[in-house]
Amino acid sequence: MKVVLDERKLKRMATLSRIALFGSVGILFGGLLLTLFGPQLGLLTPERSGLFFLLYTLILFSGFAISRVGFYFGNRYLSPSRPDVLLRESLKGLDRKYALLIFQPPTPYMLIEPGGVTVFVTRNQEGKVRFANGKWQRRESLLRMWLGREEALGDPLVELNAEIAKVNKWLKQRLPDLTIPVRGIIVFTHPRVVLDVEPSPVPILAADELKDYLRGAGRWKDLPASIQRKMREALGAPELTRAEHDQPK
């Protein structure tokens, strides 16, 4: 499998994550200094106590809010277990007809296959996650969410449909005379996730199930080589050599 990663975007987002993390620490440290030296600055007099508590509240909430943003993006762009790394590990071993595009337009994570395009939306929840009757259920720790250690589950299906629509629009603009199969998969990357999934409109898989699915139940019939070339060119995937096109299935 070939991997195309936008290193510049990864570095840019990692830098923003660090700024948010260290910035939040600086803001909270400022709150500590305000608490320690507020009396010396005359902010705890009866006339100014309201101003002091207003400043302290603003510092506290802004510091925690920015730290949550920093942890969220840190998990996505700084962590050794960030989604792009785990996707690459999960898909390792696919042949060179496959190309994993990361942080490339029009969507962050997509796999170019011989039979079409697969769009991924990832989640990193630990524990039991249930999908039934079109709804997601999970007992989430408010403390962990507030501290930014765990992203909100939200509705991955809505997000996935939006990403698929972006890819379809991109292909329609560049290949108006072709119909390229596009599908989506929701991937849970945490090694301790437990999925309880009723029949859903898209596959919902743990990361370690992904490669087997693509090779088995989710395998597409290969598109003609000429269409594969156009599809890969439209999405910025590496061009296949004739020898790679002729590889046994």
C-alpha atoms as a PDB file:
ATOM      1  CA  MET A   1       0.000   0.000   0.000  1.00  0.00           C
ATOM      2  CA  LYS A   2       1.210   3.473  -0.837  1.00  0.00           C
ATOM      3  CA  VAL A   3       0.729   6.319   1.629  1.00  0.00           C
ATOM      4  CA  VAL A   4       0.389   9.982   0.696  1.00  0.00           C
ATOM      5  CA  LEU A   5       0.604  12.269   3.730  1.00  0.00           C
ATOM      6  CA  ASP A   6       0.419  16.057   3.725  1.00  0.00           C
ATOM      7  CA  GLU A   7       3.383  16.612   6.034  1.00  0.00           C
ATOM      8  CA  ARG A   8       2.983  20.393   5.951  1.00  0.00           C
ATOM      9  CA  LYS A   9      -0.585  20.221   7.230  1.00  0.00           C
ATOM     10  CA  LEU A  10       0.401  17.711   9.903  1.00  0.00           C
ATOM     11  CA  LYS A  11       3.221  19.955  11.125  1.00  0.00           C
ATOM     12  CA  ARG A  12       1.011  23.047  11.010  1.00  0.00           C
ATOM     13  CA  MET A  13      -1.767  21.430  13.027  1.00  0.00           C
ATOM     14  CA  ALA A  14       0.747  19.937  15.468  1.00  0.00           C
ATOM     15  CA  THR A  15       2.198  23.419  16.022  1.00  0.00           C
ATOM     16  CA  LEU A  16      -1.275  24.865  16.646  1.00  0.00           C
ATOM     17  CA  SER A  17      -1.947  22.033  19.095  1.00  0.00           C
ATOM     18  CA  ARG A  18       1.217  22.855  21.040  1.00  0.00           C
ATOM     19  CA  ILE A  19       0.339  26.552  21.069  1.00  0.00           C
ATOM     20  CA  ALA A  20      -3.106  25.755  22.468  1.00  0.00           C
ATOM     21  CA  LEU A  21      -1.730  23.382  25.089  1.00  0.00           C
ATOM     22  CA  PHE A  22       1.067  25.641  26.309  1.00  0.00           C
ATOM     23  CA  GLY A  23      -1.137  28.710  25.972  1.00  0.00           C
ATOM     24  CA  SER A  24      -3.776  27.175  28.230  1.00  0.00           C
ATOM     25  CA  VAL A  25      -1.103  26.354  30.806  1.00  0.00           C
ATOM     26  CA  GLY A  26       0.091  29.964  30.661  1.00  0.00           C
ATOM     27  CA  ILE A  27      -3.451  31.274  31.133  1.00  0.00           C
ATOM     28  CA  LEU A  28      -4.089  29.004  34.114  1.00  0.00           C
ATOM     29  CA  PHE A  29      -0.728  29.983  35.595  1.00  0.00           C
ATOM     30  CA  GLY A  30      -1.810  33.607  35.217  1.00  0.00           C
ATOM     31  CA  GLY A  31      -4.905  32.743  37.243  1.00  0.00           C
ATOM     32  CA  LEU A  32      -2.699  31.289  39.947  1.00  0.00           C
ATOM     33  CA  LEU A  33      -0.583  34.450  40.024  1.00  0.00           C
ATOM     34  CA  LEU A  34      -3.732  36.548  40.229  1.00  0.00           C
ATOM     35  CA  THR A  35      -4.843  34.518  43.245  1.00  0.00           C
ATOM     36  CA  LEU A  36      -1.468  34.820  44.956  1.00  0.00           C
ATOM     37  CA  PHE A  37      -0.789  38.474  44.255  1.00  0.00           C
ATOM     38  CA  GLY A  38      -4.302  39.870  43.952  1.00  0.00           C
ATOM     39  CA  PRO A  39      -4.246  41.315  47.468  1.00  0.00           C
ATOM     40  CA  GLN A  40      -0.946  43.115  46.779  1.00  0.00           C
ATOM     41  CA  LEU A  41      -2.448  44.562  43.600  1.00  0.00           C
ATOM     42  CA  GLY A  42      -5.426  45.841  45.527  1.00  0.00           C
ATOM     43  CA  LEU A  43      -7.921  43.634  43.702  1.00  0.00           C
ATOM     44  CA  LEU A  44      -9.445  42.149  46.840  1.00  0.00           C
ATOM     45  CA  THR A  45     -10.685  45.359  48.341  1.00  0.00           C
ATOM     46  CA  PRO A  46     -14.458  45.529  48.811  1.00  0.00           C
ATOM     47  CA  GLU A  47     -14.662  47.975  45.915  1.00  0.00           C
ATOM     48  CA  ARG A  48     -12.737  45.710  43.505  1.00  0.00           C
ATOM     49  CA  SER A  49     -13.693  42.224  44.645  1.00  0.00           C
ATOM     50  CA  GLY A  50     -16.260  41.948  41.855  1.00  0.00           C
ATOM     51  CA  LEU A  51     -13.590  42.754  39.256  1.00  0.00           C
ATOM     52  CA  PHE A  52     -11.252  40.192  40.806  1.00  0.00           C
ATOM     53  CA  PHE A  53     -13.773  37.343  40.678  1.00  0.00           C
ATOM     54  CA  LEU A  54     -14.782  38.321  37.131  1.00  0.00           C
ATOM     55  CA  LEU A  55     -11.151  38.180  35.969  1.00  0.00           C
ATOM     56  CA  TYR A  56     -10.526  34.935  37.810  1.00  0.00           C
ATOM     57  CA  THR A  57     -13.627  33.284  36.303  1.00  0.00           C
ATOM     58  CA  LEU A  58     -12.691  34.402  32.775  1.00  0.00           C
ATOM     59  CA  ILE A  59      -9.148  33.086  33.191  1.00  0.00           C
ATOM     60  CA  LEU A  60     -10.333  29.763  34.598  1.00  0.00           C
ATOM     61  CA  PHE A  61     -12.910  29.046  31.896  1.00  0.00           C
ATOM     62  CA  SER A  62     -10.796  30.294  28.989  1.00  0.00           C
ATOM     63  CA  GLY A  63      -7.806  28.262  30.218  1.00  0.00           C
ATOM     64  CA  PHE A  64      -9.796  25.048  30.467  1.00  0.00           C
ATOM     65  CA  ALA A  65     -11.568  25.673  27.146  1.00  0.00           C
ATOM     66  CA  ILE A  66      -8.297  26.260  25.292  1.00  0.00           C
ATOM     67  CA  SER A  67      -6.710  23.238  26.987  1.00  0.00           C
ATOM     68  CA  ARG A  68      -9.597  21.091  25.760  1.00  0.00           C
ATOM     69  CA  VAL A  69      -9.022  22.298  22.214  1.00  0.00           C
ATOM     70  CA  GLY A  70      -5.309  21.620  22.606  1.00  0.00           C
ATOM     71  CA  PHE A  71      -5.850  18.089  23.907  1.00  0.00           C
ATOM     72  CA  TYR A  72      -8.362  17.330  21.150  1.00  0.00           C
ATOM     73  CA  PHE A  73      -6.023  18.413  18.370  1.00  0.00           C
ATOM     74  CA  GLY A  74      -3.077  16.921  20.228  1.00  0.00           C
ATOM     75  CA  ASN A  75      -4.808  13.531  20.100  1.00  0.00           C
ATOM     76  CA  ARG A  76      -5.386  14.053  16.363  1.00  0.00           C
ATOM     77  CA  TYR A  77      -2.008  15.475  15.343  1.00  0.00           C
ATOM     78  CA  LEU A  78       0.575  14.931  18.123  1.00  0.00           C
ATOM     79  CA  SER A  79      -0.157  11.614  19.778  1.00  0.00           C
ATOM     80  CA  PRO A  80       1.733   8.458  18.723  1.00  0.00           C
ATOM     81  CA  SER A  81      -1.728   6.833  18.561  1.00  0.00           C
ATOM     82  CA  ARG A  82      -3.237   9.517  16.332  1.00  0.00           C
ATOM     83  CA  PRO A  83      -5.739   8.284  13.708  1.00  0.00           C
ATOM     84  CA  ASP A  84      -3.463   8.440  10.660  1.00  0.00           C
ATOM     85  CA  VAL A  85      -0.823   6.297  12.362  1.00  0.00           C
ATOM     86  CA  LEU A  86      -3.355   3.680  13.456  1.00  0.00           C
ATOM     87  CA  LEU A  87      -4.975   3.584  10.019  1.00  0.00           C
ATOM     88  CA  ARG A  88      -1.594   2.980   8.401  1.00  0.00           C
ATOM     89  CA  GLU A  89      -0.836   0.179  10.850  1.00  0.00           C
ATOM     90  CA  SER A  90      -4.275  -1.379  10.366  1.00  0.00           C
ATOM     91  CA  LEU A  91      -3.990  -1.362   6.571  1.00  0.00           C
ATOM     92  CA  LYS A  92      -0.360  -2.472   6.376  1.00  0.00           C
ATOM     93  CA  GLY A  93      -0.009  -5.394   4.001  1.00  0.00           C
ATOM     94  CA  LEU A  94      -2.468  -4.274   1.330  1.00  0.00           C
ATOM     95  CA  ASP A  95      -0.855  -4.417  -2.093  1.00  0.00           C
ATOM     96  CA  ARG A  96       0.384  -1.407  -4.053  1.00  0.00           C
ATOM     97  CA  LYS A  97      -2.901  -0.988  -5.907  1.00  0.00           C
ATOM     98  CA  TYR A  98      -4.162   0.633  -2.697  1.00  0.00           C
ATOM     99  CA  ALA A  99      -3.244   4.180  -1.689  1.00  0.00           C
ATOM    100  CA  LEU A 100      -4.039   5.749   1.688  1.00  0.00           C
ATOM    101  CA  LEU A 101      -4.387   9.531   1.376  1.00  0.00           C
ATOM    102  CA  ILE A 102      -4.040  11.453   4.649  1.00  0.00           C
ATOM    103  CA  PHE A 103      -4.899  15.147   5.119  1.00  0.00           C
ATOM    104  CA  GLN A 104      -5.350  15.481   1.372  1.00  0.00           C
ATOM    105  CA  PRO A 105      -8.331  17.266  -0.140  1.00  0.00           C
ATOM    106  CA  PRO A 106     -11.218  16.702  -0.197  1.00  0.00           C
ATOM    107  CA  THR A 107     -11.266  14.630   3.039  1.00  0.00           C
ATOM    108  CA  PRO A 108      -8.718  13.820   5.769  1.00  0.00           C
ATOM    109  CA  TYR A 109      -8.676  10.025   5.447  1.00  0.00           C
ATOM    110  CA  MET A 110      -9.472   8.068   2.291  1.00  0.00           C
ATOM    111  CA  LEU A 111      -8.318   4.839   0.710  1.00  0.00           C
ATOM    112  CA  ILE A 112      -8.024   4.593  -3.050  1.00  0.00           C
ATOM    113  CA  GLU A 113      -8.815   1.011  -4.001  1.00  0.00           C
ATOM    114  CA  PRO A 114      -8.850  -0.825  -7.320  1.00  0.00           C
ATOM    115  CA  GLY A 115     -12.640  -0.743  -7.139  1.00  0.00           C
ATOM    116  CA  GLY A 116     -13.324   2.786  -5.874  1.00  0.00           C
ATOM    117  CA  VAL A 117     -12.816   5.129  -2.932  1.00  0.00           C
ATOM    118  CA  THR A 118     -13.358   4.428   0.762  1.00  0.00           C
ATOM    119  CA  VAL A 119     -13.724   7.382   3.123  1.00  0.00           C
ATOM    120  CA  PHE A 120     -12.886   6.928   6.804  1.00  0.00           C
ATOM    121  CA  VAL A 121     -14.206   8.744   9.844  1.00  0.00           C
ATOM    122  CA  THR A 122     -12.377   7.781  13.025  1.00  0.00           C
ATOM    123  CA  ARG A 123     -13.211   7.767  16.711  1.00  0.00           C
ATOM    124  CA  ASN A 124     -10.957   6.900  19.651  1.00  0.00           C
ATOM    125  CA  GLN A 125     -13.444   5.948  22.355  1.00  0.00           C
ATOM    126  CA  GLU A 126     -12.604   3.342  24.973  1.00  0.00           C
ATOM    127  CA  GLY A 127     -15.149   0.888  26.351  1.00  0.00           C
ATOM    128  CA  LYS A 128     -18.562  -0.069  25.029  1.00  0.00           C
ATOM    129  CA  VAL A 129     -20.068   1.855  22.125  1.00  0.00           C
ATOM    130  CA  ARG A 130     -23.537   0.907  20.902  1.00  0.00           C
ATOM    131  CA  PHE A 131     -25.329   1.795  17.672  1.00  0.00           C
ATOM    132  CA  ALA A 132     -29.011   0.864  17.501  1.00  0.00           C
ATOM    133  CA  ASN A 133     -32.085   2.331  15.802  1.00  0.00           C
ATOM    134  CA  GLY A 134     -29.959   5.006  14.198  1.00  0.00           C
ATOM    135  CA  LYS A 135     -28.632   6.295  17.523  1.00  0.00           C
ATOM    136  CA  TRP A 136     -25.270   6.121  19.264  1.00  0.00           C
ATOM    137  CA  GLN A 137     -25.060   5.275  22.937  1.00  0.00           C
ATOM    138  CA  ARG A 138     -22.107   5.494  25.251  1.00  0.00           C
ATOM    139  CA  ARG A 139     -21.539   6.434  28.862  1.00  0.00           C
ATOM    140  CA  GLU A 140     -19.005   9.236  28.597  1.00  0.00           C
ATOM    141  CA  SER A 141     -17.020  10.718  31.461  1.00  0.00           C
ATOM    142  CA  LEU A 142     -17.782  14.426  31.686  1.00  0.00           C
ATOM    143  CA  LEU A 143     -14.516  14.969  33.561  1.00  0.00           C
ATOM    144  CA  ARG A 144     -12.470  13.250  30.829  1.00  0.00           C
ATOM    145  CA  MET A 145     -14.307  15.195  28.129  1.00  0.00           C
ATOM    146  CA  TRP A 146     -13.826  18.516  29.931  1.00  0.00           C
ATOM    147  CA  LEU A 147     -10.143  17.878  30.418  1.00  0.00           C
ATOM    148  CA  GLY A 148      -9.878  17.073  26.711  1.00  0.00           C
ATOM    149  CA  ARG A 149      -8.553  13.560  27.170  1.00  0.00           C
ATOM    150  CA  GLU A 150     -11.429  12.078  25.208  1.00  0.00           C
ATOM    151  CA  GLU A 151     -13.298  13.516  22.248  1.00  0.00           C
ATOM    152  CA  ALA A 152     -17.071  13.535  22.219  1.00  0.00           C
ATOM    153  CA  LEU A 153     -18.611  10.652  20.275  1.00  0.00           C
ATOM    154  CA  GLY A 154     -21.102  12.890  18.499  1.00  0.00           C
ATOM    155  CA  ASP A 155     -22.697  11.318  15.431  1.00  0.00           C
ATOM    156  CA  PRO A 156     -19.980   9.747  13.263  1.00  0.00           C
ATOM    157  CA  LEU A 157     -22.582   8.764  10.672  1.00  0.00           C
ATOM    158  CA  VAL A 158     -23.561  12.374  10.007  1.00  0.00           C
ATOM    159  CA  GLU A 159     -19.887  13.323   9.750  1.00  0.00           C
ATOM    160  CA  LEU A 160     -19.179  10.420   7.402  1.00  0.00           C
ATOM    161  CA  ASN A 161     -22.060  11.327   5.080  1.00  0.00           C
ATOM    162  CA  ALA A 162     -20.712  14.883   4.875  1.00  0.00           C
ATOM    163  CA  GLU A 163     -17.220  13.620   3.981  1.00  0.00           C
ATOM    164  CA  ILE A 164     -18.595  11.250   1.339  1.00  0.00           C
ATOM    165  CA  ALA A 165     -20.521  14.151  -0.188  1.00  0.00           C
ATOM    166  CA  LYS A 166     -17.270  16.150  -0.431  1.00  0.00           C
ATOM    167  CA  VAL A 167     -15.535  13.308  -2.270  1.00  0.00           C
ATOM    168  CA  ASN A 168     -18.459  12.796  -4.654  1.00  0.00           C
ATOM    169  CA  LYS A 169     -18.532  16.514  -5.433  1.00  0.00           C
ATOM    170  CA  TRP A 170     -14.761  16.545  -6.018  1.00  0.00           C
ATOM    171  CA  LEU A 171     -14.945  13.601  -8.412  1.00  0.00           C
ATOM    172  CA  LYS A 172     -17.983  14.990 -10.222  1.00  0.00           C
ATOM    173  CA  GLN A 173     -16.150  18.229 -10.913  1.00  0.00           C
ATOM    174  CA  ARG A 174     -13.063  16.453 -12.258  1.00  0.00           C
ATOM    175  CA  LEU A 175     -14.582  13.350 -13.846  1.00  0.00           C
ATOM    176  CA  PRO A 176     -18.089  14.446 -14.889  1.00  0.00           C
ATOM    177  CA  ASP A 177     -18.518  11.579 -17.347  1.00  0.00           C
ATOM    178  CA  LEU A 178     -17.550   8.801 -14.910  1.00  0.00           C
ATOM    179  CA  THR A 179     -19.276   7.271 -11.927  1.00  0.00           C
ATOM    180  CA  ILE A 180     -16.722   6.272  -9.294  1.00  0.00           C
ATOM    181  CA  PRO A 181     -17.966   4.093  -6.416  1.00  0.00           C
ATOM    182  CA  VAL A 182     -17.531   5.904  -3.088  1.00  0.00           C
ATOM    183  CA  ARG A 183     -18.359   4.435   0.298  1.00  0.00           C
ATOM    184  CA  GLY A 184     -17.616   5.197   3.928  1.00  0.00           C
ATOM    185  CA  ILE A 185     -16.477   3.267   6.985  1.00  0.00           C
ATOM    186  CA  ILE A 186     -16.546   4.385  10.612  1.00  0.00           C
ATOM    187  CA  VAL A 187     -13.381   3.156  12.331  1.00  0.00           C
ATOM    188  CA  PHE A 188     -12.894   2.982  16.101  1.00  0.00           C
ATOM    189  CA  THR A 189      -9.165   3.057  16.747  1.00  0.00           C
ATOM    190  CA  HIS A 190      -8.916   2.514  20.509  1.00  0.00           C
ATOM    191  CA  PRO A 191      -7.619  -1.010  21.257  1.00  0.00           C
ATOM    192  CA  ARG A 192     -10.078  -1.409  24.154  1.00  0.00           C
ATOM    193  CA  VAL A 193     -13.238  -0.389  22.331  1.00  0.00           C
ATOM    194  CA  VAL A 194     -16.157  -2.845  22.470  1.00  0.00           C
ATOM    195  CA  LEU A 195     -18.633  -2.379  19.631  1.00  0.00           C
ATOM    196  CA  ASP A 196     -22.279  -3.399  19.895  1.00  0.00           C
ATOM    197  CA  VAL A 197     -23.613  -2.577  16.450  1.00  0.00           C
ATOM    198  CA  GLU A 198     -26.976  -3.439  14.951  1.00  0.00           C
ATOM    199  CA  PRO A 199     -27.322  -3.389  11.151  1.00  0.00           C
ATOM    200  CA  SER A 200     -26.204   0.058  10.020  1.00  0.00           C
ATOM    201  CA  PRO A 201     -26.128   1.880   6.667  1.00  0.00           C
ATOM    202  CA  VAL A 202     -22.306   1.808   6.687  1.00  0.00           C
ATOM    203  CA  PRO A 203     -19.720  -0.567   8.169  1.00  0.00           C
ATOM    204  CA  ILE A 204     -18.739   0.266  11.764  1.00  0.00           C
ATOM    205  CA  LEU A 205     -15.479  -1.501  12.580  1.00  0.00           C
ATOM    206  CA  ALA A 206     -12.651  -1.671  15.072  1.00  0.00           C
ATOM    207  CA  ALA A 207      -9.316  -0.820  13.489  1.00  0.00           C
ATOM    208  CA  ASP A 208      -8.040  -4.393  13.696  1.00  0.00           C
ATOM    209  CA  GLU A 209     -11.052  -5.594  11.663  1.00  0.00           C
ATOM    210  CA  LEU A 210     -10.527  -3.164   8.826  1.00  0.00           C
ATOM    211  CA  LYS A 211      -8.045  -4.999   6.600  1.00  0.00           C
ATOM    212  CA  ASP A 212      -9.925  -8.295   6.786  1.00  0.00           C
ATOM    213  CA  TYR A 213     -13.125  -6.518   5.797  1.00  0.00           C
ATOM    214  CA  LEU A 214     -11.514  -4.863   2.776  1.00  0.00           C
ATOM    215  CA  ARG A 215     -10.038  -8.169   1.649  1.00  0.00           C
ATOM    216  CA  GLY A 216     -13.196 -10.139   2.339  1.00  0.00           C
ATOM    217  CA  ALA A 217     -16.799  -9.006   2.622  1.00  0.00           C
ATOM    218  CA  GLY A 218     -15.956  -5.452   1.596  1.00  0.00           C
ATOM    219  CA  ARG A 219     -13.846  -6.257  -1.448  1.00  0.00           C
ATOM    220  CA  TRP A 220     -14.961  -4.501  -4.622  1.00  0.00           C
ATOM    221  CA  LYS A 221     -14.658  -5.721  -8.173  1.00  0.00           C
ATOM    222  CA  ASP A 222     -11.729  -3.924  -9.817  1.00  0.00           C
ATOM    223  CA  LEU A 223     -12.506  -1.023 -12.105  1.00  0.00           C
ATOM    224  CA  PRO A 224     -10.969  -1.023 -15.598  1.00  0.00           C
ATOM    225  CA  ALA A 225      -7.341   0.119 -15.526  1.00  0.00           C
ATOM    226  CA  SER A 226      -8.131   3.260 -17.532  1.00  0.00           C
ATOM    227  CA  ILE A 227     -10.767   4.366 -14.987  1.00  0.00           C
ATOM    228  CA  GLN A 228      -8.440   3.571 -12.091  1.00  0.00           C
ATOM    229  CA  ARG A 229      -5.818   5.857 -13.608  1.00  0.00           C
ATOM    230  CA  LYS A 230      -8.281   8.726 -13.963  1.00  0.00           C
ATOM    231  CA  MET A 231      -9.631   8.200 -10.447  1.00  0.00           C
ATOM    232  CA  ARG A 232      -6.154   8.195  -8.931  1.00  0.00           C
ATOM    233  CA  GLU A 233      -5.129  11.280 -10.882  1.00  0.00           C
ATOM    234  CA  ALA A 234      -8.274  13.169  -9.819  1.00  0.00           C
ATOM    235  CA  LEU A 235      -7.599  12.437  -6.142  1.00  0.00           C
ATOM    236  CA  GLY A 236      -3.826  12.878  -6.176  1.00  0.00           C
ATOM    237  CA  ALA A 237      -2.917   9.221  -5.614  1.00  0.00           C
ATOM    238  CA  PRO A 238       0.382   7.877  -6.990  1.00  0.00           C
ATOM    239  CA  GLU A 239       0.133   6.557 -10.518  1.00  0.00           C
ATOM    240  CA  LEU A 240       0.320   2.794 -10.941  1.00  0.00           C
ATOM    241  CA  THR A 241       2.869   1.250 -13.254  1.00  0.00           C
ATOM    242  CA  ARG A 242       1.752  -1.335 -15.793  1.00  0.00           C
ATOM    243  CA  ALA A 243       3.380  -4.055 -13.692  1.00  0.00           C
ATOM    244  CA  GLU A 244       1.376  -2.994 -10.640  1.00  0.00           C
ATOM    245  CA  HIS A 245      -1.854  -2.996 -12.661  1.00  0.00           C
ATOM    246  CA  ASP A 246      -1.048  -6.534 -13.755  1.00  0.00           C
ATOM    247  CA  GLN A 247      -0.387  -7.829 -10.229  1.00  0.00           C
ATOM    248  CA  PRO A 248      -2.424 -10.950  -9.372  1.00  0.00           C
ATOM    249  CA  LYS A 249      -5.497 -10.276  -7.240  1.00  0.00           C
END
